[in-house]
Amino acid sequence: MRNWLPGFAGTTLLVASALAPRLSSQVPQPAAGPESRRATDAQTVVIENAPTDHAVPILKERLDEYFKEMDAKKLQTLRMIEGGKFNVNIRRITGAETALIHPATIDVWVVLQGSGTITTGGKIESGKIVGGQSHLLKIGDVEFIPANLPHGVSGVNGSITWLNVRWDTDWPAAAELGAGTPPGGGASVLPLEHAPTDHSLAIPGSTLDRYRDDMKAKHQSLLRMSEGGHFNVNIRRIDGPSIELHPITVDTWVVLEGSGTAVTDFKTQDGKMVPGTGVSQPLNAGDVMFVPANLTHGFSAVNGAVSWLNIRWDVNWAK
């Protein structure tokens, strides 16, 4: 069984292989959202294009290195994975930002460091949101921001850093649902709520802790916090090996607690993982993993229990 080296070892980078030169190179790339695809952002550094044949582990140690390099280069955005109609980014800012709106792109934020105030809704006037709703964001908080909703960090307490996972929402009307089910669709997994379209959804870190405690007490392996049909935001918690395959759905994991050995691209026989196949990667709290659609994935071993935030979306957009 092959083993990953930390971070992006073994992958194809869009920029130089050494870390500092990599972050100093600014590679124009399309961002999620049709308005962004019309004009590329030359200030966004891209680490790699989204693979389709292997997973990408981004370990906490590598994230910490990226934070330091972003500070040194005064970068506010680092695009770790670019998929054209989706991307996975680090945002890191020290002051209020100009308000944003993405007509066809969803954002999910996971706060990694610092704190600040997010404002959503209302309308944008002169780069600021008027009439919106504001609340504090701090480490461990999650924010779901639907497409076409004004949003932005309106105040920062020193600095704030968040993982920003984004995908477009312009699936064809007849596109197959892979990630989940629509409202009233006879879901086998009942969500806490269906994804809003007119307001953001705030999930404080303390609420995530409470959900995980409840899952542990109920021996529950999946909690669907927000369901959008072609996408959903979940907590997974397992205490033993697992096997999964989603033909048209991407996963992005953020490990919340515990540890285990993730395995991807393995072969199966009689519903079990074939020993000696696949790529293994130890994962711990704070690590991130991108898993492309149609790639076998799971855990071959768990140290007691492991739980992770699982952000998922379908990739069957029109060609």
C-alpha atoms as a PDB file:
ATOM      1  CA  MET A   1       0.000   0.000   0.000  1.00  0.00           C
ATOM      2  CA  ARG A   2       1.435   3.380  -1.016  1.00  0.00           C
ATOM      3  CA  ASN A   3       1.776   6.170   1.535  1.00  0.00           C
ATOM      4  CA  TRP A   4       1.404   9.902   0.994  1.00  0.00           C
ATOM      5  CA  LEU A   5       4.126  12.244   2.058  1.00  0.00           C
ATOM      6  CA  PRO A   6       2.847  15.276   3.996  1.00  0.00           C
ATOM      7  CA  GLY A   7       0.854  17.832   2.071  1.00  0.00           C
ATOM      8  CA  PHE A   8       0.993  17.804  -1.725  1.00  0.00           C
ATOM      9  CA  ALA A   9       3.856  15.387  -2.281  1.00  0.00           C
ATOM     10  CA  GLY A  10       3.468  13.411  -5.470  1.00  0.00           C
ATOM     11  CA  THR A  11       0.950  15.791  -7.035  1.00  0.00           C
ATOM     12  CA  THR A  12       1.305  18.053 -10.050  1.00  0.00           C
ATOM     13  CA  LEU A  13       1.639  21.700  -9.038  1.00  0.00           C
ATOM     14  CA  LEU A  14       0.715  24.644 -11.196  1.00  0.00           C
ATOM     15  CA  VAL A  15       3.618  26.608  -9.782  1.00  0.00           C
ATOM     16  CA  ALA A  16       7.190  25.905  -8.622  1.00  0.00           C
ATOM     17  CA  SER A  17       7.769  22.993  -6.265  1.00  0.00           C
ATOM     18  CA  ALA A  18       9.552  24.861  -3.472  1.00  0.00           C
ATOM     19  CA  LEU A  19       7.075  26.421  -1.057  1.00  0.00           C
ATOM     20  CA  ALA A  20       8.245  30.041  -1.084  1.00  0.00           C
ATOM     21  CA  PRO A  21       8.602  30.293  -4.899  1.00  0.00           C
ATOM     22  CA  ARG A  22       5.272  28.521  -5.244  1.00  0.00           C
ATOM     23  CA  LEU A  23       3.456  31.193  -3.283  1.00  0.00           C
ATOM     24  CA  SER A  24       5.289  34.030  -4.979  1.00  0.00           C
ATOM     25  CA  SER A  25       4.081  32.910  -8.402  1.00  0.00           C
ATOM     26  CA  GLN A  26       0.698  34.375  -9.268  1.00  0.00           C
ATOM     27  CA  VAL A  27      -1.141  32.204 -11.744  1.00  0.00           C
ATOM     28  CA  PRO A  28      -4.406  33.567 -13.174  1.00  0.00           C
ATOM     29  CA  GLN A  29      -7.128  30.908 -12.901  1.00  0.00           C
ATOM     30  CA  PRO A  30     -10.918  30.899 -13.217  1.00  0.00           C
ATOM     31  CA  ALA A  31     -12.808  30.882  -9.924  1.00  0.00           C
ATOM     32  CA  ALA A  32     -16.133  29.250  -9.175  1.00  0.00           C
ATOM     33  CA  GLY A  33     -19.076  31.304 -10.382  1.00  0.00           C
ATOM     34  CA  PRO A  34     -19.900  32.486 -13.886  1.00  0.00           C
ATOM     35  CA  GLU A  35     -19.099  36.092 -13.054  1.00  0.00           C
ATOM     36  CA  SER A  36     -15.560  35.067 -12.067  1.00  0.00           C
ATOM     37  CA  ARG A  37     -14.988  32.864 -15.109  1.00  0.00           C
ATOM     38  CA  ARG A  38     -15.393  35.885 -17.350  1.00  0.00           C
ATOM     39  CA  ALA A  39     -12.460  37.672 -15.707  1.00  0.00           C
ATOM     40  CA  THR A  40      -9.628  35.778 -14.041  1.00  0.00           C
ATOM     41  CA  ASP A  41      -8.074  37.134 -10.843  1.00  0.00           C
ATOM     42  CA  ALA A  42      -4.343  37.628 -11.331  1.00  0.00           C
ATOM     43  CA  GLN A  43      -3.879  38.050  -7.574  1.00  0.00           C
ATOM     44  CA  THR A  44      -5.010  34.520  -6.716  1.00  0.00           C
ATOM     45  CA  VAL A  45      -2.199  31.991  -6.254  1.00  0.00           C
ATOM     46  CA  VAL A  46      -3.196  28.475  -7.345  1.00  0.00           C
ATOM     47  CA  ILE A  47      -1.447  25.407  -5.942  1.00  0.00           C
ATOM     48  CA  GLU A  48      -2.943  22.749  -8.237  1.00  0.00           C
ATOM     49  CA  ASN A  49      -5.826  21.842 -10.483  1.00  0.00           C
ATOM     50  CA  ALA A  50      -8.358  19.492  -8.922  1.00  0.00           C
ATOM     51  CA  PRO A  51      -7.357  15.877  -9.646  1.00  0.00           C
ATOM     52  CA  THR A  52      -9.870  13.251 -10.720  1.00  0.00           C
ATOM     53  CA  ASP A  53      -7.796  10.133 -10.009  1.00  0.00           C
ATOM     54  CA  HIS A  54      -6.404  10.704  -6.511  1.00  0.00           C
ATOM     55  CA  ALA A  55      -7.235  12.453  -3.254  1.00  0.00           C
ATOM     56  CA  VAL A  56      -5.354  15.476  -1.915  1.00  0.00           C
ATOM     57  CA  PRO A  57      -4.511  15.500   1.803  1.00  0.00           C
ATOM     58  CA  ILE A  58      -3.671  18.936   3.215  1.00  0.00           C
ATOM     59  CA  LEU A  59      -2.277  18.305   6.674  1.00  0.00           C
ATOM     60  CA  LYS A  60      -2.451  20.844   9.484  1.00  0.00           C
ATOM     61  CA  GLU A  61       1.319  21.291   9.400  1.00  0.00           C
ATOM     62  CA  ARG A  62       1.115  22.251   5.728  1.00  0.00           C
ATOM     63  CA  LEU A  63      -1.743  24.664   6.435  1.00  0.00           C
ATOM     64  CA  ASP A  64       0.417  26.333   9.096  1.00  0.00           C
ATOM     65  CA  GLU A  65       3.227  26.711   6.535  1.00  0.00           C
ATOM     66  CA  TYR A  66       0.800  28.283   4.085  1.00  0.00           C
ATOM     67  CA  PHE A  67      -0.347  30.798   6.715  1.00  0.00           C
ATOM     68  CA  LYS A  68       3.248  31.927   7.279  1.00  0.00           C
ATOM     69  CA  GLU A  69       3.928  32.228   3.564  1.00  0.00           C
ATOM     70  CA  MET A  70       0.710  34.155   2.990  1.00  0.00           C
ATOM     71  CA  ASP A  71       1.778  36.622   5.688  1.00  0.00           C
ATOM     72  CA  ALA A  72       5.227  36.973   4.154  1.00  0.00           C
ATOM     73  CA  LYS A  73       3.782  37.590   0.671  1.00  0.00           C
ATOM     74  CA  LYS A  74       0.797  39.604   1.969  1.00  0.00           C
ATOM     75  CA  LEU A  75      -1.626  37.227   0.259  1.00  0.00           C
ATOM     76  CA  GLN A  76      -5.290  37.292   1.284  1.00  0.00           C
ATOM     77  CA  THR A  77      -6.306  34.263  -0.792  1.00  0.00           C
ATOM     78  CA  LEU A  78      -4.515  31.012  -1.521  1.00  0.00           C
ATOM     79  CA  ARG A  79      -6.318  28.648  -3.895  1.00  0.00           C
ATOM     80  CA  MET A  80      -5.179  25.179  -2.888  1.00  0.00           C
ATOM     81  CA  ILE A  81      -7.404  23.326  -5.370  1.00  0.00           C
ATOM     82  CA  GLU A  82      -8.928  24.740  -8.557  1.00  0.00           C
ATOM     83  CA  GLY A  83     -11.727  22.842 -10.282  1.00  0.00           C
ATOM     84  CA  GLY A  84     -13.086  25.527 -12.605  1.00  0.00           C
ATOM     85  CA  LYS A  85     -16.617  25.284 -11.188  1.00  0.00           C
ATOM     86  CA  PHE A  86     -15.380  24.683  -7.661  1.00  0.00           C
ATOM     87  CA  ASN A  87     -12.346  25.472  -5.563  1.00  0.00           C
ATOM     88  CA  VAL A  88     -10.867  25.062  -2.069  1.00  0.00           C
ATOM     89  CA  ASN A  89      -9.124  28.120  -0.636  1.00  0.00           C
ATOM     90  CA  ILE A  90      -7.538  29.707   2.391  1.00  0.00           C
ATOM     91  CA  ARG A  91      -8.673  33.258   3.103  1.00  0.00           C
ATOM     92  CA  ARG A  92      -6.553  35.268   5.569  1.00  0.00           C
ATOM     93  CA  ILE A  93      -7.246  38.951   6.261  1.00  0.00           C
ATOM     94  CA  THR A  94      -6.406  41.588   8.874  1.00  0.00           C
ATOM     95  CA  GLY A  95      -9.162  44.109   8.159  1.00  0.00           C
ATOM     96  CA  ALA A  96     -12.642  44.543   6.779  1.00  0.00           C
ATOM     97  CA  GLU A  97     -13.069  43.479   3.154  1.00  0.00           C
ATOM     98  CA  THR A  98     -15.155  44.805   0.300  1.00  0.00           C
ATOM     99  CA  ALA A  99     -18.565  43.125   0.274  1.00  0.00           C
ATOM    100  CA  LEU A 100     -18.993  40.294  -2.245  1.00  0.00           C
ATOM    101  CA  ILE A 101     -21.820  38.590  -4.094  1.00  0.00           C
ATOM    102  CA  HIS A 102     -21.533  35.465  -6.278  1.00  0.00           C
ATOM    103  CA  PRO A 103     -24.676  35.009  -8.431  1.00  0.00           C
ATOM    104  CA  ALA A 104     -24.242  31.238  -8.921  1.00  0.00           C
ATOM    105  CA  THR A 105     -21.671  30.166  -6.323  1.00  0.00           C
ATOM    106  CA  ILE A 106     -22.064  28.826  -2.788  1.00  0.00           C
ATOM    107  CA  ASP A 107     -19.455  29.418  -0.080  1.00  0.00           C
ATOM    108  CA  VAL A 108     -18.866  27.286   2.998  1.00  0.00           C
ATOM    109  CA  TRP A 109     -16.449  28.808   5.501  1.00  0.00           C
ATOM    110  CA  VAL A 110     -14.658  26.991   8.323  1.00  0.00           C
ATOM    111  CA  VAL A 111     -12.803  29.367  10.653  1.00  0.00           C
ATOM    112  CA  LEU A 112      -9.256  28.143  11.349  1.00  0.00           C
ATOM    113  CA  GLN A 113      -7.685  31.063  13.225  1.00  0.00           C
ATOM    114  CA  GLY A 114      -8.679  34.391  14.741  1.00  0.00           C
ATOM    115  CA  SER A 115     -12.092  36.015  14.803  1.00  0.00           C
ATOM    116  CA  GLY A 116     -14.141  38.724  13.142  1.00  0.00           C
ATOM    117  CA  THR A 117     -17.617  39.873  12.224  1.00  0.00           C
ATOM    118  CA  ILE A 118     -19.429  38.569   9.154  1.00  0.00           C
ATOM    119  CA  THR A 119     -22.291  40.514   7.606  1.00  0.00           C
ATOM    120  CA  THR A 120     -24.691  38.877   5.135  1.00  0.00           C
ATOM    121  CA  GLY A 121     -27.878  39.817   3.312  1.00  0.00           C
ATOM    122  CA  GLY A 122     -29.105  43.331   2.655  1.00  0.00           C
ATOM    123  CA  LYS A 123     -27.669  45.082  -0.380  1.00  0.00           C
ATOM    124  CA  ILE A 124     -24.242  46.326  -1.425  1.00  0.00           C
ATOM    125  CA  GLU A 125     -23.666  50.063  -1.657  1.00  0.00           C
ATOM    126  CA  SER A 126     -20.185  51.512  -2.285  1.00  0.00           C
ATOM    127  CA  GLY A 127     -18.560  48.203  -1.367  1.00  0.00           C
ATOM    128  CA  LYS A 128     -20.403  47.868   1.949  1.00  0.00           C
ATOM    129  CA  ILE A 129     -23.483  45.931   2.997  1.00  0.00           C
ATOM    130  CA  VAL A 130     -26.484  47.989   4.013  1.00  0.00           C
ATOM    131  CA  GLY A 131     -29.319  46.384   5.946  1.00  0.00           C
ATOM    132  CA  GLY A 132     -27.637  43.023   6.468  1.00  0.00           C
ATOM    133  CA  GLN A 133     -27.311  40.772   9.512  1.00  0.00           C
ATOM    134  CA  SER A 134     -24.038  40.543  11.451  1.00  0.00           C
ATOM    135  CA  HIS A 135     -22.574  38.089  13.929  1.00  0.00           C
ATOM    136  CA  LEU A 136     -19.214  37.039  15.341  1.00  0.00           C
ATOM    137  CA  LEU A 137     -17.107  34.321  13.706  1.00  0.00           C
ATOM    138  CA  LYS A 138     -14.434  32.522  15.738  1.00  0.00           C
ATOM    139  CA  ILE A 139     -12.255  29.415  15.535  1.00  0.00           C
ATOM    140  CA  GLY A 140     -14.273  26.288  14.793  1.00  0.00           C
ATOM    141  CA  ASP A 141     -17.340  28.099  13.438  1.00  0.00           C
ATOM    142  CA  VAL A 142     -18.914  27.120  10.105  1.00  0.00           C
ATOM    143  CA  GLU A 143     -20.838  29.473   7.823  1.00  0.00           C
ATOM    144  CA  PHE A 144     -22.957  28.391   4.830  1.00  0.00           C
ATOM    145  CA  ILE A 145     -23.494  31.261   2.364  1.00  0.00           C
ATOM    146  CA  PRO A 146     -25.951  30.597  -0.469  1.00  0.00           C
ATOM    147  CA  ALA A 147     -25.445  31.887  -3.981  1.00  0.00           C
ATOM    148  CA  ASN A 148     -26.452  35.480  -4.755  1.00  0.00           C
ATOM    149  CA  LEU A 149     -26.312  36.616  -1.120  1.00  0.00           C
ATOM    150  CA  PRO A 150     -24.218  39.696  -0.257  1.00  0.00           C
ATOM    151  CA  HIS A 151     -21.556  38.797   2.296  1.00  0.00           C
ATOM    152  CA  GLY A 152     -18.259  39.941   3.711  1.00  0.00           C
ATOM    153  CA  VAL A 153     -16.125  40.292   6.810  1.00  0.00           C
ATOM    154  CA  SER A 154     -17.077  43.709   8.174  1.00  0.00           C
ATOM    155  CA  GLY A 155     -14.693  43.693  11.130  1.00  0.00           C
ATOM    156  CA  VAL A 156     -11.593  41.752  12.231  1.00  0.00           C
ATOM    157  CA  ASN A 157     -10.153  41.207  15.699  1.00  0.00           C
ATOM    158  CA  GLY A 158      -6.470  41.249  14.714  1.00  0.00           C
ATOM    159  CA  SER A 159      -6.793  38.702  11.911  1.00  0.00           C
ATOM    160  CA  ILE A 160      -9.088  35.927  10.754  1.00  0.00           C
ATOM    161  CA  THR A 161      -8.320  32.870   8.624  1.00  0.00           C
ATOM    162  CA  TRP A 162     -10.856  30.510   7.156  1.00  0.00           C
ATOM    163  CA  LEU A 163     -11.098  27.561   4.798  1.00  0.00           C
ATOM    164  CA  ASN A 164     -13.349  28.659   1.919  1.00  0.00           C
ATOM    165  CA  VAL A 165     -14.958  25.837  -0.055  1.00  0.00           C
ATOM    166  CA  ARG A 166     -16.920  27.035  -3.115  1.00  0.00           C
ATOM    167  CA  TRP A 167     -18.969  25.470  -5.908  1.00  0.00           C
ATOM    168  CA  ASP A 168     -21.324  26.624  -8.658  1.00  0.00           C
ATOM    169  CA  THR A 169     -25.040  25.890  -8.522  1.00  0.00           C
ATOM    170  CA  ASP A 170     -25.996  25.915 -12.227  1.00  0.00           C
ATOM    171  CA  TRP A 171     -26.710  22.217 -12.644  1.00  0.00           C
ATOM    172  CA  PRO A 172     -29.057  21.310 -15.536  1.00  0.00           C
ATOM    173  CA  ALA A 173     -32.645  20.853 -14.356  1.00  0.00           C
ATOM    174  CA  ALA A 174     -32.570  17.153 -15.243  1.00  0.00           C
ATOM    175  CA  ALA A 175     -29.154  16.457 -13.689  1.00  0.00           C
ATOM    176  CA  GLU A 176     -29.046  13.367 -11.486  1.00  0.00           C
ATOM    177  CA  LEU A 177     -28.848  13.992  -7.748  1.00  0.00           C
ATOM    178  CA  GLY A 178     -25.778  12.346  -6.261  1.00  0.00           C
ATOM    179  CA  ALA A 179     -25.069  14.093  -2.959  1.00  0.00           C
ATOM    180  CA  GLY A 180     -28.569  14.069  -1.493  1.00  0.00           C
ATOM    181  CA  THR A 181     -32.284  14.625  -2.072  1.00  0.00           C
ATOM    182  CA  PRO A 182     -34.505  17.698  -2.517  1.00  0.00           C
ATOM    183  CA  PRO A 183     -37.215  18.730  -0.015  1.00  0.00           C
ATOM    184  CA  GLY A 184     -40.001  16.149  -0.029  1.00  0.00           C
ATOM    185  CA  GLY A 185     -37.841  13.742  -2.006  1.00  0.00           C
ATOM    186  CA  GLY A 186     -38.096  10.804   0.395  1.00  0.00           C
ATOM    187  CA  ALA A 187     -34.635  11.234   1.873  1.00  0.00           C
ATOM    188  CA  SER A 188     -33.118   8.242   3.628  1.00  0.00           C
ATOM    189  CA  VAL A 189     -31.084  10.686   5.731  1.00  0.00           C
ATOM    190  CA  LEU A 190     -33.227  13.405   7.290  1.00  0.00           C
ATOM    191  CA  PRO A 191     -31.401  16.742   7.470  1.00  0.00           C
ATOM    192  CA  LEU A 192     -31.595  19.219  10.311  1.00  0.00           C
ATOM    193  CA  GLU A 193     -32.695  21.713   7.663  1.00  0.00           C
ATOM    194  CA  HIS A 194     -32.755  22.259   3.939  1.00  0.00           C
ATOM    195  CA  ALA A 195     -30.182  24.668   2.565  1.00  0.00           C
ATOM    196  CA  PRO A 196     -31.503  28.249   2.651  1.00  0.00           C
ATOM    197  CA  THR A 197     -31.378  30.460  -0.419  1.00  0.00           C
ATOM    198  CA  ASP A 198     -32.152  33.847   1.171  1.00  0.00           C
ATOM    199  CA  HIS A 199     -29.944  33.863   4.281  1.00  0.00           C
ATOM    200  CA  SER A 200     -26.721  32.365   5.565  1.00  0.00           C
ATOM    201  CA  LEU A 201     -26.573  29.475   7.999  1.00  0.00           C
ATOM    202  CA  ALA A 202     -24.279  29.880  11.001  1.00  0.00           C
ATOM    203  CA  ILE A 203     -23.105  26.761  12.860  1.00  0.00           C
ATOM    204  CA  PRO A 204     -20.958  27.791  15.847  1.00  0.00           C
ATOM    205  CA  GLY A 205     -18.149  25.497  16.940  1.00  0.00           C
ATOM    206  CA  SER A 206     -19.958  24.935  20.242  1.00  0.00           C
ATOM    207  CA  THR A 207     -22.960  23.624  18.293  1.00  0.00           C
ATOM    208  CA  LEU A 208     -20.720  21.244  16.349  1.00  0.00           C
ATOM    209  CA  ASP A 209     -19.357  19.968  19.685  1.00  0.00           C
ATOM    210  CA  ARG A 210     -22.895  19.368  20.947  1.00  0.00           C
ATOM    211  CA  TYR A 211     -23.848  17.557  17.747  1.00  0.00           C
ATOM    212  CA  ARG A 212     -20.813  15.260  18.023  1.00  0.00           C
ATOM    213  CA  ASP A 213     -21.575  14.467  21.664  1.00  0.00           C
ATOM    214  CA  ASP A 214     -25.131  13.568  20.680  1.00  0.00           C
ATOM    215  CA  MET A 215     -23.905  11.398  17.789  1.00  0.00           C
ATOM    216  CA  LYS A 216     -21.579   9.565  20.180  1.00  0.00           C
ATOM    217  CA  ALA A 217     -24.408   8.907  22.640  1.00  0.00           C
ATOM    218  CA  LYS A 218     -26.678   7.613  19.858  1.00  0.00           C
ATOM    219  CA  HIS A 219     -23.938   5.682  18.000  1.00  0.00           C
ATOM    220  CA  GLN A 220     -24.809   7.806  14.957  1.00  0.00           C
ATOM    221  CA  SER A 221     -22.335   7.926  12.069  1.00  0.00           C
ATOM    222  CA  LEU A 222     -23.907  10.705   9.965  1.00  0.00           C
ATOM    223  CA  LEU A 223     -25.600  14.004  10.771  1.00  0.00           C
ATOM    224  CA  ARG A 224     -26.768  16.035   7.783  1.00  0.00           C
ATOM    225  CA  MET A 225     -26.821  19.635   8.953  1.00  0.00           C
ATOM    226  CA  SER A 226     -27.827  21.223   5.642  1.00  0.00           C
ATOM    227  CA  GLU A 227     -29.294  19.491   2.577  1.00  0.00           C
ATOM    228  CA  GLY A 228     -29.317  21.061  -0.880  1.00  0.00           C
ATOM    229  CA  GLY A 229     -30.035  18.093  -3.149  1.00  0.00           C
ATOM    230  CA  HIS A 230     -26.890  18.478  -5.260  1.00  0.00           C
ATOM    231  CA  PHE A 231     -24.864  19.351  -2.151  1.00  0.00           C
ATOM    232  CA  ASN A 232     -24.884  18.972   1.607  1.00  0.00           C
ATOM    233  CA  VAL A 233     -22.893  19.773   4.743  1.00  0.00           C
ATOM    234  CA  ASN A 234     -22.496  16.937   7.249  1.00  0.00           C
ATOM    235  CA  ILE A 235     -20.736  15.652  10.319  1.00  0.00           C
ATOM    236  CA  ARG A 236     -19.394  12.118  10.052  1.00  0.00           C
ATOM    237  CA  ARG A 237     -18.328  10.138  13.120  1.00  0.00           C
ATOM    238  CA  ILE A 238     -17.100   6.525  13.003  1.00  0.00           C
ATOM    239  CA  ASP A 239     -15.338   4.147  15.371  1.00  0.00           C
ATOM    240  CA  GLY A 240     -14.291   1.504  12.848  1.00  0.00           C
ATOM    241  CA  PRO A 241     -13.298   0.936   9.198  1.00  0.00           C
ATOM    242  CA  SER A 242     -15.479   2.357   6.415  1.00  0.00           C
ATOM    243  CA  ILE A 243     -15.857   2.084   2.625  1.00  0.00           C
ATOM    244  CA  GLU A 244     -17.568   4.596   0.333  1.00  0.00           C
ATOM    245  CA  LEU A 245     -17.865   5.486  -3.352  1.00  0.00           C
ATOM    246  CA  HIS A 246     -19.814   8.434  -4.806  1.00  0.00           C
ATOM    247  CA  PRO A 247     -19.843   8.366  -8.630  1.00  0.00           C
ATOM    248  CA  ILE A 248     -20.664  12.066  -9.183  1.00  0.00           C
ATOM    249  CA  THR A 249     -19.985  13.686  -5.805  1.00  0.00           C
ATOM    250  CA  VAL A 250     -16.854  15.360  -4.438  1.00  0.00           C
ATOM    251  CA  ASP A 251     -16.044  15.286  -0.710  1.00  0.00           C
ATOM    252  CA  THR A 252     -13.965  17.819   1.190  1.00  0.00           C
ATOM    253  CA  TRP A 253     -13.181  16.738   4.755  1.00  0.00           C
ATOM    254  CA  VAL A 254     -12.089  18.786   7.754  1.00  0.00           C
ATOM    255  CA  VAL A 255     -11.117  16.487  10.621  1.00  0.00           C
ATOM    256  CA  LEU A 256     -12.735  17.743  13.831  1.00  0.00           C
ATOM    257  CA  GLU A 257     -11.494  15.256  16.416  1.00  0.00           C
ATOM    258  CA  GLY A 258      -9.754  11.925  16.757  1.00  0.00           C
ATOM    259  CA  SER A 259      -7.534  10.225  14.210  1.00  0.00           C
ATOM    260  CA  GLY A 260      -7.339   7.315  11.831  1.00  0.00           C
ATOM    261  CA  THR A 261      -5.853   6.038   8.585  1.00  0.00           C
ATOM    262  CA  ALA A 262      -7.731   7.157   5.484  1.00  0.00           C
ATOM    263  CA  VAL A 263      -7.404   5.054   2.334  1.00  0.00           C
ATOM    264  CA  THR A 264      -8.423   6.027  -1.197  1.00  0.00           C
ATOM    265  CA  ASP A 265      -8.384   4.437  -4.646  1.00  0.00           C
ATOM    266  CA  PHE A 266      -8.493   0.908  -3.239  1.00  0.00           C
ATOM    267  CA  LYS A 267     -10.057  -2.160  -4.785  1.00  0.00           C
ATOM    268  CA  THR A 268     -13.016  -3.945  -3.212  1.00  0.00           C
ATOM    269  CA  GLN A 269     -14.125  -7.550  -3.131  1.00  0.00           C
ATOM    270  CA  ASP A 270     -17.380  -8.774  -1.580  1.00  0.00           C
ATOM    271  CA  GLY A 271     -17.945  -5.307  -0.134  1.00  0.00           C
ATOM    272  CA  LYS A 272     -14.583  -5.201   1.631  1.00  0.00           C
ATOM    273  CA  MET A 273     -11.344  -3.324   1.025  1.00  0.00           C
ATOM    274  CA  VAL A 274      -8.719  -5.499  -0.657  1.00  0.00           C
ATOM    275  CA  PRO A 275      -5.581  -5.445   1.526  1.00  0.00           C
ATOM    276  CA  GLY A 276      -2.507  -3.919  -0.068  1.00  0.00           C
ATOM    277  CA  THR A 277      -4.456  -1.734  -2.525  1.00  0.00           C
ATOM    278  CA  GLY A 278      -5.026   1.994  -2.464  1.00  0.00           C
ATOM    279  CA  VAL A 279      -3.216   4.979  -0.960  1.00  0.00           C
ATOM    280  CA  SER A 280      -3.124   5.408   2.809  1.00  0.00           C
ATOM    281  CA  GLN A 281      -2.830   8.631   4.802  1.00  0.00           C
ATOM    282  CA  PRO A 282      -2.940   9.131   8.595  1.00  0.00           C
ATOM    283  CA  LEU A 283      -5.357  11.942   9.433  1.00  0.00           C
ATOM    284  CA  ASN A 284      -5.622  13.921  12.650  1.00  0.00           C
ATOM    285  CA  ALA A 285      -7.709  16.803  13.966  1.00  0.00           C
ATOM    286  CA  GLY A 286      -7.125  19.915  11.856  1.00  0.00           C
ATOM    287  CA  ASP A 287      -6.251  18.042   8.641  1.00  0.00           C
ATOM    288  CA  VAL A 288      -8.144  18.624   5.384  1.00  0.00           C
ATOM    289  CA  MET A 289      -8.719  16.109   2.581  1.00  0.00           C
ATOM    290  CA  PHE A 290     -10.143  16.578  -0.912  1.00  0.00           C
ATOM    291  CA  VAL A 291     -11.682  13.408  -2.417  1.00  0.00           C
ATOM    292  CA  PRO A 292     -12.741  13.587  -6.091  1.00  0.00           C
ATOM    293  CA  ALA A 293     -15.894  11.950  -7.397  1.00  0.00           C
ATOM    294  CA  ASN A 294     -15.853   8.245  -8.315  1.00  0.00           C
ATOM    295  CA  LEU A 295     -12.850   7.402  -6.138  1.00  0.00           C
ATOM    296  CA  THR A 296     -13.124   4.713  -3.465  1.00  0.00           C
ATOM    297  CA  HIS A 297     -12.419   6.132  -0.022  1.00  0.00           C
ATOM    298  CA  GLY A 298     -12.763   5.321   3.638  1.00  0.00           C
ATOM    299  CA  PHE A 299     -10.803   4.488   6.768  1.00  0.00           C
ATOM    300  CA  SER A 300      -8.827   1.285   7.187  1.00  0.00           C
ATOM    301  CA  ALA A 301      -8.247   1.940  10.892  1.00  0.00           C
ATOM    302  CA  VAL A 302      -9.568   4.365  13.516  1.00  0.00           C
ATOM    303  CA  ASN A 303      -7.917   5.248  16.808  1.00  0.00           C
ATOM    304  CA  GLY A 304     -10.972   5.046  19.042  1.00  0.00           C
ATOM    305  CA  ALA A 305     -13.150   7.344  16.944  1.00  0.00           C
ATOM    306  CA  VAL A 306     -12.752  10.015  14.303  1.00  0.00           C
ATOM    307  CA  SER A 307     -15.182  12.735  13.273  1.00  0.00           C
ATOM    308  CA  TRP A 308     -15.006  15.127  10.373  1.00  0.00           C
ATOM    309  CA  LEU A 309     -16.942  17.899   8.691  1.00  0.00           C
ATOM    310  CA  ASN A 310     -17.922  16.595   5.251  1.00  0.00           C
ATOM    311  CA  ILE A 311     -18.702  19.225   2.613  1.00  0.00           C
ATOM    312  CA  ARG A 312     -20.043  17.586  -0.552  1.00  0.00           C
ATOM    313  CA  TRP A 313     -21.276  18.643  -4.002  1.00  0.00           C
ATOM    314  CA  ASP A 314     -22.118  17.029  -7.321  1.00  0.00           C
ATOM    315  CA  VAL A 315     -19.922  17.597 -10.375  1.00  0.00           C
ATOM    316  CA  ASN A 316     -22.374  16.673 -13.134  1.00  0.00           C
ATOM    317  CA  TRP A 317     -22.725  20.169 -14.581  1.00  0.00           C
ATOM    318  CA  ALA A 318     -23.482  20.585 -18.265  1.00  0.00           C
ATOM    319  CA  LYS A 319     -20.425  20.007 -20.456  1.00  0.00           C
END
